[in-house]
Amino acid sequence: MTGQQGNTVGAYEAKTHLSELLEKVEAGEEITITKHGAPVAKLVPIKREATTDERASAIKRIQKLASGLSLGRLKIKDLISEGRR
């Protein structure tokens, strides 16, 4: 595409190459559309919903990470009080 600089493209160029731009967005790119050099719109991929399995897996990873964390002898209540001084 001519006139494209990085992930920025003019409005006319976007109109004439929409299918190609949509393919790039589908692959994860973000495209800024300009009008007379000023940004006016952005094409971004739609975020898909996470599956139940993906959510469960993320929760397990967070729990595993959290299980190894410790404040030692400190108590969260004491840290909050210290921060308020």
PDB file of N, CA and C in Angstrom:
ATOM      1  N   MET A   1       0.833  -1.175   0.000  1.00  0.00           N
ATOM      2  CA  MET A   1       0.000   0.000   0.000  1.00  0.00           C
ATOM      3  C   MET A   1       0.878   1.238   0.000  1.00  0.00           C
ATOM      4  N   THR A   2       0.622   2.152  -0.870  1.00  0.00           N
ATOM      5  CA  THR A   2       1.383   3.382  -0.880  1.00  0.00           C
ATOM      6  C   THR A   2       0.777   4.351   0.112  1.00  0.00           C
ATOM      7  N   GLY A   3       1.608   5.223   0.651  1.00  0.00           N
ATOM      8  CA  GLY A   3       1.095   6.212   1.583  1.00  0.00           C
ATOM      9  C   GLY A   3       1.007   5.705   3.013  1.00  0.00           C
ATOM     10  N   GLN A   4       1.254   4.430   3.238  1.00  0.00           N
ATOM     11  CA  GLN A   4       1.168   3.890   4.593  1.00  0.00           C
ATOM     12  C   GLN A   4       2.493   4.100   5.298  1.00  0.00           C
ATOM     13  N   GLN A   5       2.449   4.615   6.502  1.00  0.00           N
ATOM     14  CA  GLN A   5       3.641   4.835   7.300  1.00  0.00           C
ATOM     15  C   GLN A   5       3.448   4.131   8.632  1.00  0.00           C
ATOM     16  N   GLY A   6       4.208   3.068   8.870  1.00  0.00           N
ATOM     17  CA  GLY A   6       4.017   2.283  10.087  1.00  0.00           C
ATOM     18  C   GLY A   6       2.633   1.668  10.077  1.00  0.00           C
ATOM     19  N   ASN A   7       1.877   1.890  11.121  1.00  0.00           N
ATOM     20  CA  ASN A   7       0.507   1.395  11.194  1.00  0.00           C
ATOM     21  C   ASN A   7      -0.486   2.547  11.041  1.00  0.00           C
ATOM     22  N   THR A   8      -0.106   3.544  10.239  1.00  0.00           N
ATOM     23  CA  THR A   8      -0.966   4.692   9.974  1.00  0.00           C
ATOM     24  C   THR A   8      -1.250   4.752   8.484  1.00  0.00           C
ATOM     25  N   VAL A   9      -2.507   5.032   8.149  1.00  0.00           N
ATOM     26  CA  VAL A   9      -2.898   5.090   6.748  1.00  0.00           C
ATOM     27  C   VAL A   9      -3.933   6.201   6.569  1.00  0.00           C
ATOM     28  N   GLY A  10      -3.879   6.874   5.429  1.00  0.00           N
ATOM     29  CA  GLY A  10      -4.847   7.926   5.134  1.00  0.00           C
ATOM     30  C   GLY A  10      -6.226   7.351   4.847  1.00  0.00           C
ATOM     31  N   ALA A  11      -7.249   8.195   4.969  1.00  0.00           N
ATOM     32  CA  ALA A  11      -8.637   7.752   4.796  1.00  0.00           C
ATOM     33  C   ALA A  11      -8.875   7.180   3.397  1.00  0.00           C
ATOM     34  N   TYR A  12      -8.374   7.841   2.353  1.00  0.00           N
ATOM     35  CA  TYR A  12      -8.573   7.346   0.994  1.00  0.00           C
ATOM     36  C   TYR A  12      -7.919   5.981   0.826  1.00  0.00           C
ATOM     37  N   GLU A  13      -6.702   5.874   1.321  1.00  0.00           N
ATOM     38  CA  GLU A  13      -5.958   4.608   1.252  1.00  0.00           C
ATOM     39  C   GLU A  13      -6.707   3.510   2.007  1.00  0.00           C
ATOM     40  N   ALA A  14      -7.262   3.852   3.176  1.00  0.00           N
ATOM     41  CA  ALA A  14      -8.010   2.876   3.971  1.00  0.00           C
ATOM     42  C   ALA A  14      -9.230   2.390   3.197  1.00  0.00           C
ATOM     43  N   LYS A  15      -9.905   3.318   2.535  1.00  0.00           N
ATOM     44  CA  LYS A  15     -11.103   2.955   1.769  1.00  0.00           C
ATOM     45  C   LYS A  15     -10.752   2.017   0.619  1.00  0.00           C
ATOM     46  N   THR A  16      -9.657   2.298  -0.069  1.00  0.00           N
ATOM     47  CA  THR A  16      -9.312   1.490  -1.237  1.00  0.00           C
ATOM     48  C   THR A  16      -8.641   0.169  -0.883  1.00  0.00           C
ATOM     49  N   HIS A  17      -8.138   0.049   0.345  1.00  0.00           N
ATOM     50  CA  HIS A  17      -7.446  -1.189   0.745  1.00  0.00           C
ATOM     51  C   HIS A  17      -8.055  -1.787   2.015  1.00  0.00           C
ATOM     52  N   LEU A  18      -9.356  -1.601   2.208  1.00  0.00           N
ATOM     53  CA  LEU A  18     -10.001  -2.047   3.444  1.00  0.00           C
ATOM     54  C   LEU A  18      -9.802  -3.541   3.708  1.00  0.00           C
ATOM     55  N   SER A  19      -9.968  -4.375   2.696  1.00  0.00           N
ATOM     56  CA  SER A  19      -9.824  -5.828   2.898  1.00  0.00           C
ATOM     57  C   SER A  19      -8.439  -6.178   3.425  1.00  0.00           C
ATOM     58  N   GLU A  20      -7.408  -5.559   2.846  1.00  0.00           N
ATOM     59  CA  GLU A  20      -6.035  -5.823   3.278  1.00  0.00           C
ATOM     60  C   GLU A  20      -5.821  -5.351   4.715  1.00  0.00           C
ATOM     61  N   LEU A  21      -6.374  -4.181   5.040  1.00  0.00           N
ATOM     62  CA  LEU A  21      -6.249  -3.667   6.408  1.00  0.00           C
ATOM     63  C   LEU A  21      -6.956  -4.570   7.402  1.00  0.00           C
ATOM     64  N   LEU A  22      -8.128  -5.061   7.037  1.00  0.00           N
ATOM     65  CA  LEU A  22      -8.870  -5.955   7.931  1.00  0.00           C
ATOM     66  C   LEU A  22      -8.100  -7.249   8.192  1.00  0.00           C
ATOM     67  N   GLU A  23      -7.407  -7.749   7.166  1.00  0.00           N
ATOM     68  CA  GLU A  23      -6.579  -8.945   7.357  1.00  0.00           C
ATOM     69  C   GLU A  23      -5.478  -8.672   8.383  1.00  0.00           C
ATOM     70  N   LYS A  24      -4.863  -7.500   8.290  1.00  0.00           N
ATOM     71  CA  LYS A  24      -3.805  -7.146   9.237  1.00  0.00           C
ATOM     72  C   LYS A  24      -4.366  -7.015  10.653  1.00  0.00           C
ATOM     73  N   VAL A  25      -5.533  -6.395  10.769  1.00  0.00           N
ATOM     74  CA  VAL A  25      -6.160  -6.240  12.083  1.00  0.00           C
ATOM     75  C   VAL A  25      -6.537  -7.602  12.649  1.00  0.00           C
ATOM     76  N   GLU A  26      -7.053  -8.470  11.794  1.00  0.00           N
ATOM     77  CA  GLU A  26      -7.412  -9.823  12.236  1.00  0.00           C
ATOM     78  C   GLU A  26      -6.188 -10.565  12.755  1.00  0.00           C
ATOM     79  N   ALA A  27      -5.013 -10.239  12.202  1.00  0.00           N
ATOM     80  CA  ALA A  27      -3.765 -10.866  12.643  1.00  0.00           C
ATOM     81  C   ALA A  27      -3.209 -10.216  13.906  1.00  0.00           C
ATOM     82  N   GLY A  28      -3.898  -9.178  14.424  1.00  0.00           N
ATOM     83  CA  GLY A  28      -3.495  -8.588  15.684  1.00  0.00           C
ATOM     84  C   GLY A  28      -2.949  -7.173  15.606  1.00  0.00           C
ATOM     85  N   GLU A  29      -2.788  -6.623  14.409  1.00  0.00           N
ATOM     86  CA  GLU A  29      -2.266  -5.264  14.274  1.00  0.00           C
ATOM     87  C   GLU A  29      -3.339  -4.224  14.569  1.00  0.00           C
ATOM     88  N   GLU A  30      -2.903  -3.048  14.961  1.00  0.00           N
ATOM     89  CA  GLU A  30      -3.786  -1.899  15.110  1.00  0.00           C
ATOM     90  C   GLU A  30      -3.417  -0.898  14.029  1.00  0.00           C
ATOM     91  N   ILE A  31      -4.405  -0.339  13.365  1.00  0.00           N
ATOM     92  CA  ILE A  31      -4.184   0.598  12.262  1.00  0.00           C
ATOM     93  C   ILE A  31      -4.859   1.923  12.606  1.00  0.00           C
ATOM     94  N   THR A  32      -4.101   3.015  12.530  1.00  0.00           N
ATOM     95  CA  THR A  32      -4.661   4.345  12.732  1.00  0.00           C
ATOM     96  C   THR A  32      -4.992   4.941  11.370  1.00  0.00           C
ATOM     97  N   ILE A  33      -6.195   5.474  11.240  1.00  0.00           N
ATOM     98  CA  ILE A  33      -6.626   6.112  10.000  1.00  0.00           C
ATOM     99  C   ILE A  33      -6.580   7.620  10.202  1.00  0.00           C
ATOM    100  N   THR A  34      -5.953   8.306   9.246  1.00  0.00           N
ATOM    101  CA  THR A  34      -5.823   9.751   9.339  1.00  0.00           C
ATOM    102  C   THR A  34      -6.633  10.443   8.256  1.00  0.00           C
ATOM    103  N   LYS A  35      -6.983  11.683   8.534  1.00  0.00           N
ATOM    104  CA  LYS A  35      -7.654  12.530   7.549  1.00  0.00           C
ATOM    105  C   LYS A  35      -6.877  13.838   7.531  1.00  0.00           C
ATOM    106  N   HIS A  36      -6.299  14.151   6.383  1.00  0.00           N
ATOM    107  CA  HIS A  36      -5.443  15.334   6.242  1.00  0.00           C
ATOM    108  C   HIS A  36      -4.309  15.309   7.261  1.00  0.00           C
ATOM    109  N   GLY A  37      -3.783  14.110   7.516  1.00  0.00           N
ATOM    110  CA  GLY A  37      -2.639  13.940   8.408  1.00  0.00           C
ATOM    111  C   GLY A  37      -2.963  13.821   9.888  1.00  0.00           C
ATOM    112  N   ALA A  38      -4.223  14.071  10.258  1.00  0.00           N
ATOM    113  CA  ALA A  38      -4.592  13.995  11.672  1.00  0.00           C
ATOM    114  C   ALA A  38      -5.310  12.672  11.957  1.00  0.00           C
ATOM    115  N   PRO A  39      -4.952  11.969  13.030  1.00  0.00           N
ATOM    116  CA  PRO A  39      -5.626  10.712  13.365  1.00  0.00           C
ATOM    117  C   PRO A  39      -7.114  10.949  13.644  1.00  0.00           C
ATOM    118  N   VAL A  40      -7.963  10.111  13.038  1.00  0.00           N
ATOM    119  CA  VAL A  40      -9.409  10.239  13.254  1.00  0.00           C
ATOM    120  C   VAL A  40     -10.065   8.935  13.697  1.00  0.00           C
ATOM    121  N   ALA A  41      -9.414   7.804  13.442  1.00  0.00           N
ATOM    122  CA  ALA A  41     -10.012   6.513  13.798  1.00  0.00           C
ATOM    123  C   ALA A  41      -8.921   5.478  13.975  1.00  0.00           C
ATOM    124  N   LYS A  42      -9.281   4.400  14.643  1.00  0.00           N
ATOM    125  CA  LYS A  42      -8.341   3.298  14.832  1.00  0.00           C
ATOM    126  C   LYS A  42      -9.072   1.992  14.589  1.00  0.00           C
ATOM    127  N   LEU A  43      -8.460   1.134  13.767  1.00  0.00           N
ATOM    128  CA  LEU A  43      -8.966  -0.231  13.568  1.00  0.00           C
ATOM    129  C   LEU A  43      -8.206  -1.119  14.531  1.00  0.00           C
ATOM    130  N   VAL A  44      -8.932  -1.798  15.411  1.00  0.00           N
ATOM    131  CA  VAL A  44      -8.297  -2.675  16.397  1.00  0.00           C
ATOM    132  C   VAL A  44      -8.989  -4.031  16.393  1.00  0.00           C
ATOM    133  N   PRO A  45      -8.255  -5.087  16.722  1.00  0.00           N
ATOM    134  CA  PRO A  45      -8.881  -6.409  16.774  1.00  0.00           C
ATOM    135  C   PRO A  45      -9.929  -6.471  17.888  1.00  0.00           C
ATOM    136  N   ILE A  46     -10.979  -7.219  17.651  1.00  0.00           N
ATOM    137  CA  ILE A  46     -11.991  -7.482  18.671  1.00  0.00           C
ATOM    138  C   ILE A  46     -11.390  -8.459  19.665  1.00  0.00           C
ATOM    139  N   LYS A  47     -11.541  -8.168  20.937  1.00  0.00           N
ATOM    140  CA  LYS A  47     -11.070  -9.098  21.959  1.00  0.00           C
ATOM    141  C   LYS A  47     -12.122 -10.187  22.123  1.00  0.00           C
ATOM    142  N   ARG A  48     -11.686 -11.403  21.938  1.00  0.00           N
ATOM    143  CA  ARG A  48     -12.622 -12.512  22.090  1.00  0.00           C
ATOM    144  C   ARG A  48     -12.761 -12.856  23.560  1.00  0.00           C
ATOM    145  N   GLU A  49     -13.882 -13.430  23.911  1.00  0.00           N
ATOM    146  CA  GLU A  49     -14.127 -13.854  25.291  1.00  0.00           C
ATOM    147  C   GLU A  49     -13.268 -15.074  25.613  1.00  0.00           C
ATOM    148  N   ALA A  50     -12.751 -15.112  26.806  1.00  0.00           N
ATOM    149  CA  ALA A  50     -11.975 -16.272  27.250  1.00  0.00           C
ATOM    150  C   ALA A  50     -12.923 -17.443  27.493  1.00  0.00           C
ATOM    151  N   THR A  51     -12.444 -18.639  27.194  1.00  0.00           N
ATOM    152  CA  THR A  51     -13.239 -19.836  27.445  1.00  0.00           C
ATOM    153  C   THR A  51     -13.209 -20.157  28.933  1.00  0.00           C
ATOM    154  N   THR A  52     -14.108 -21.013  29.361  1.00  0.00           N
ATOM    155  CA  THR A  52     -14.145 -21.446  30.761  1.00  0.00           C
ATOM    156  C   THR A  52     -12.819 -22.083  31.149  1.00  0.00           C
ATOM    157  N   ASP A  53     -12.251 -22.895  30.265  1.00  0.00           N
ATOM    158  CA  ASP A  53     -10.963 -23.543  30.549  1.00  0.00           C
ATOM    159  C   ASP A  53      -9.842 -22.516  30.681  1.00  0.00           C
ATOM    160  N   GLU A  54      -9.852 -21.488  29.823  1.00  0.00           N
ATOM    161  CA  GLU A  54      -8.824 -20.452  29.907  1.00  0.00           C
ATOM    162  C   GLU A  54      -8.942 -19.674  31.219  1.00  0.00           C
ATOM    163  N   ARG A  55     -10.159 -19.396  31.629  1.00  0.00           N
ATOM    164  CA  ARG A  55     -10.368 -18.696  32.897  1.00  0.00           C
ATOM    165  C   ARG A  55      -9.877 -19.544  34.074  1.00  0.00           C
ATOM    166  N   ALA A  56     -10.242 -20.828  34.069  1.00  0.00           N
ATOM    167  CA  ALA A  56      -9.834 -21.735  35.146  1.00  0.00           C
ATOM    168  C   ALA A  56      -8.316 -21.847  35.208  1.00  0.00           C
ATOM    169  N   SER A  57      -7.685 -21.923  34.052  1.00  0.00           N
ATOM    170  CA  SER A  57      -6.232 -22.010  33.992  1.00  0.00           C
ATOM    171  C   SER A  57      -5.582 -20.746  34.547  1.00  0.00           C
ATOM    172  N   ALA A  58      -6.124 -19.595  34.207  1.00  0.00           N
ATOM    173  CA  ALA A  58      -5.593 -18.329  34.714  1.00  0.00           C
ATOM    174  C   ALA A  58      -5.734 -18.253  36.235  1.00  0.00           C
ATOM    175  N   ILE A  59      -6.865 -18.680  36.755  1.00  0.00           N
ATOM    176  CA  ILE A  59      -7.085 -18.673  38.208  1.00  0.00           C
ATOM    177  C   ILE A  59      -6.071 -19.573  38.901  1.00  0.00           C
ATOM    178  N   LYS A  60      -5.816 -20.748  38.337  1.00  0.00           N
ATOM    179  CA  LYS A  60      -4.836 -21.669  38.927  1.00  0.00           C
ATOM    180  C   LYS A  60      -3.441 -21.059  38.929  1.00  0.00           C
ATOM    181  N   ARG A  61      -3.069 -20.364  37.829  1.00  0.00           N
ATOM    182  CA  ARG A  61      -1.750 -19.724  37.768  1.00  0.00           C
ATOM    183  C   ARG A  61      -1.627 -18.627  38.824  1.00  0.00           C
ATOM    184  N   ILE A  62      -2.675 -17.856  39.007  1.00  0.00           N
ATOM    185  CA  ILE A  62      -2.660 -16.787  40.008  1.00  0.00           C
ATOM    186  C   ILE A  62      -2.558 -17.376  41.410  1.00  0.00           C
ATOM    187  N   GLN A  63      -3.317 -18.431  41.677  1.00  0.00           N
ATOM    188  CA  GLN A  63      -3.278 -19.072  42.998  1.00  0.00           C
ATOM    189  C   GLN A  63      -1.901 -19.669  43.267  1.00  0.00           C
ATOM    190  N   LYS A  64      -1.286 -20.268  42.253  1.00  0.00           N
ATOM    191  CA  LYS A  64       0.044 -20.851  42.421  1.00  0.00           C
ATOM    192  C   LYS A  64       1.059 -19.763  42.726  1.00  0.00           C
ATOM    193  N   LEU A  65       0.963 -18.652  42.023  1.00  0.00           N
ATOM    194  CA  LEU A  65       1.866 -17.536  42.263  1.00  0.00           C
ATOM    195  C   LEU A  65       1.656 -16.972  43.663  1.00  0.00           C
ATOM    196  N   ALA A  66       0.416 -16.788  44.054  1.00  0.00           N
ATOM    197  CA  ALA A  66       0.095 -16.200  45.356  1.00  0.00           C
ATOM    198  C   ALA A  66       0.517 -17.106  46.504  1.00  0.00           C
ATOM    199  N   SER A  67       0.503 -18.411  46.306  1.00  0.00           N
ATOM    200  CA  SER A  67       0.847 -19.328  47.395  1.00  0.00           C
ATOM    201  C   SER A  67       2.301 -19.186  47.823  1.00  0.00           C
ATOM    202  N   GLY A  68       3.146 -18.701  46.942  1.00  0.00           N
ATOM    203  CA  GLY A  68       4.558 -18.538  47.272  1.00  0.00           C
ATOM    204  C   GLY A  68       4.885 -17.178  47.858  1.00  0.00           C
ATOM    205  N   LEU A  69       3.906 -16.296  47.954  1.00  0.00           N
ATOM    206  CA  LEU A  69       4.156 -14.953  48.472  1.00  0.00           C
ATOM    207  C   LEU A  69       3.938 -14.897  49.976  1.00  0.00           C
ATOM    208  N   SER A  70       4.775 -14.115  50.641  1.00  0.00           N
ATOM    209  CA  SER A  70       4.667 -14.001  52.090  1.00  0.00           C
ATOM    210  C   SER A  70       5.087 -12.602  52.510  1.00  0.00           C
ATOM    211  N   LEU A  71       4.480 -12.117  53.570  1.00  0.00           N
ATOM    212  CA  LEU A  71       4.876 -10.846  54.164  1.00  0.00           C
ATOM    213  C   LEU A  71       5.814 -11.076  55.342  1.00  0.00           C
ATOM    214  N   GLY A  72       6.197 -12.329  55.529  1.00  0.00           N
ATOM    215  CA  GLY A  72       7.051 -12.648  56.671  1.00  0.00           C
ATOM    216  C   GLY A  72       6.281 -12.440  57.953  1.00  0.00           C
ATOM    217  N   ARG A  73       6.863 -11.685  58.879  1.00  0.00           N
ATOM    218  CA  ARG A  73       6.198 -11.417  60.162  1.00  0.00           C
ATOM    219  C   ARG A  73       5.289 -10.197  60.096  1.00  0.00           C
ATOM    220  N   LEU A  74       5.318  -9.510  58.974  1.00  0.00           N
ATOM    221  CA  LEU A  74       4.493  -8.308  58.842  1.00  0.00           C
ATOM    222  C   LEU A  74       3.027  -8.672  58.676  1.00  0.00           C
ATOM    223  N   LYS A  75       2.180  -7.788  59.159  1.00  0.00           N
ATOM    224  CA  LYS A  75       0.744  -7.973  58.990  1.00  0.00           C
ATOM    225  C   LYS A  75       0.234  -6.865  58.081  1.00  0.00           C
ATOM    226  N   ILE A  76      -0.693  -7.198  57.225  1.00  0.00           N
ATOM    227  CA  ILE A  76      -1.228  -6.224  56.281  1.00  0.00           C
ATOM    228  C   ILE A  76      -1.829  -5.024  56.999  1.00  0.00           C
ATOM    229  N   LYS A  77      -2.456  -5.273  58.143  1.00  0.00           N
ATOM    230  CA  LYS A  77      -3.059  -4.195  58.943  1.00  0.00           C
ATOM    231  C   LYS A  77      -1.990  -3.195  59.382  1.00  0.00           C
ATOM    232  N   ASP A  78      -0.812  -3.685  59.790  1.00  0.00           N
ATOM    233  CA  ASP A  78       0.271  -2.810  60.218  1.00  0.00           C
ATOM    234  C   ASP A  78       0.803  -1.989  59.035  1.00  0.00           C
ATOM    235  N   LEU A  79       0.901  -2.616  57.874  1.00  0.00           N
ATOM    236  CA  LEU A  79       1.391  -1.907  56.684  1.00  0.00           C
ATOM    237  C   LEU A  79       0.429  -0.789  56.291  1.00  0.00           C
ATOM    238  N   ILE A  80      -0.859  -1.048  56.398  1.00  0.00           N
ATOM    239  CA  ILE A  80      -1.864  -0.027  56.077  1.00  0.00           C
ATOM    240  C   ILE A  80      -1.748   1.144  57.061  1.00  0.00           C
ATOM    241  N   SER A  81      -1.601   0.823  58.336  1.00  0.00           N
ATOM    242  CA  SER A  81      -1.459   1.871  59.361  1.00  0.00           C
ATOM    243  C   SER A  81      -0.201   2.696  59.108  1.00  0.00           C
ATOM    244  N   GLU A  82       0.899   2.047  58.763  1.00  0.00           N
ATOM    245  CA  GLU A  82       2.147   2.750  58.489  1.00  0.00           C
ATOM    246  C   GLU A  82       1.995   3.691  57.302  1.00  0.00           C
ATOM    247  N   GLY A  83       1.255   3.263  56.282  1.00  0.00           N
ATOM    248  CA  GLY A  83       1.065   4.087  55.096  1.00  0.00           C
ATOM    249  C   GLY A  83       0.211   5.305  55.350  1.00  0.00           C
ATOM    250  N   ARG A  84      -0.595   5.283  56.385  1.00  0.00           N
ATOM    251  CA  ARG A  84      -1.474   6.408  56.696  1.00  0.00           C
ATOM    252  C   ARG A  84      -0.792   7.490  57.522  1.00  0.00           C
ATOM    253  N   ARG A  85       0.401   7.228  58.014  1.00  0.00           N
ATOM    254  CA  ARG A  85       1.097   8.209  58.847  1.00  0.00           C
ATOM    255  C   ARG A  85       1.684   9.307  58.010  1.00  0.00           C
TER     256      ARG A  85
END
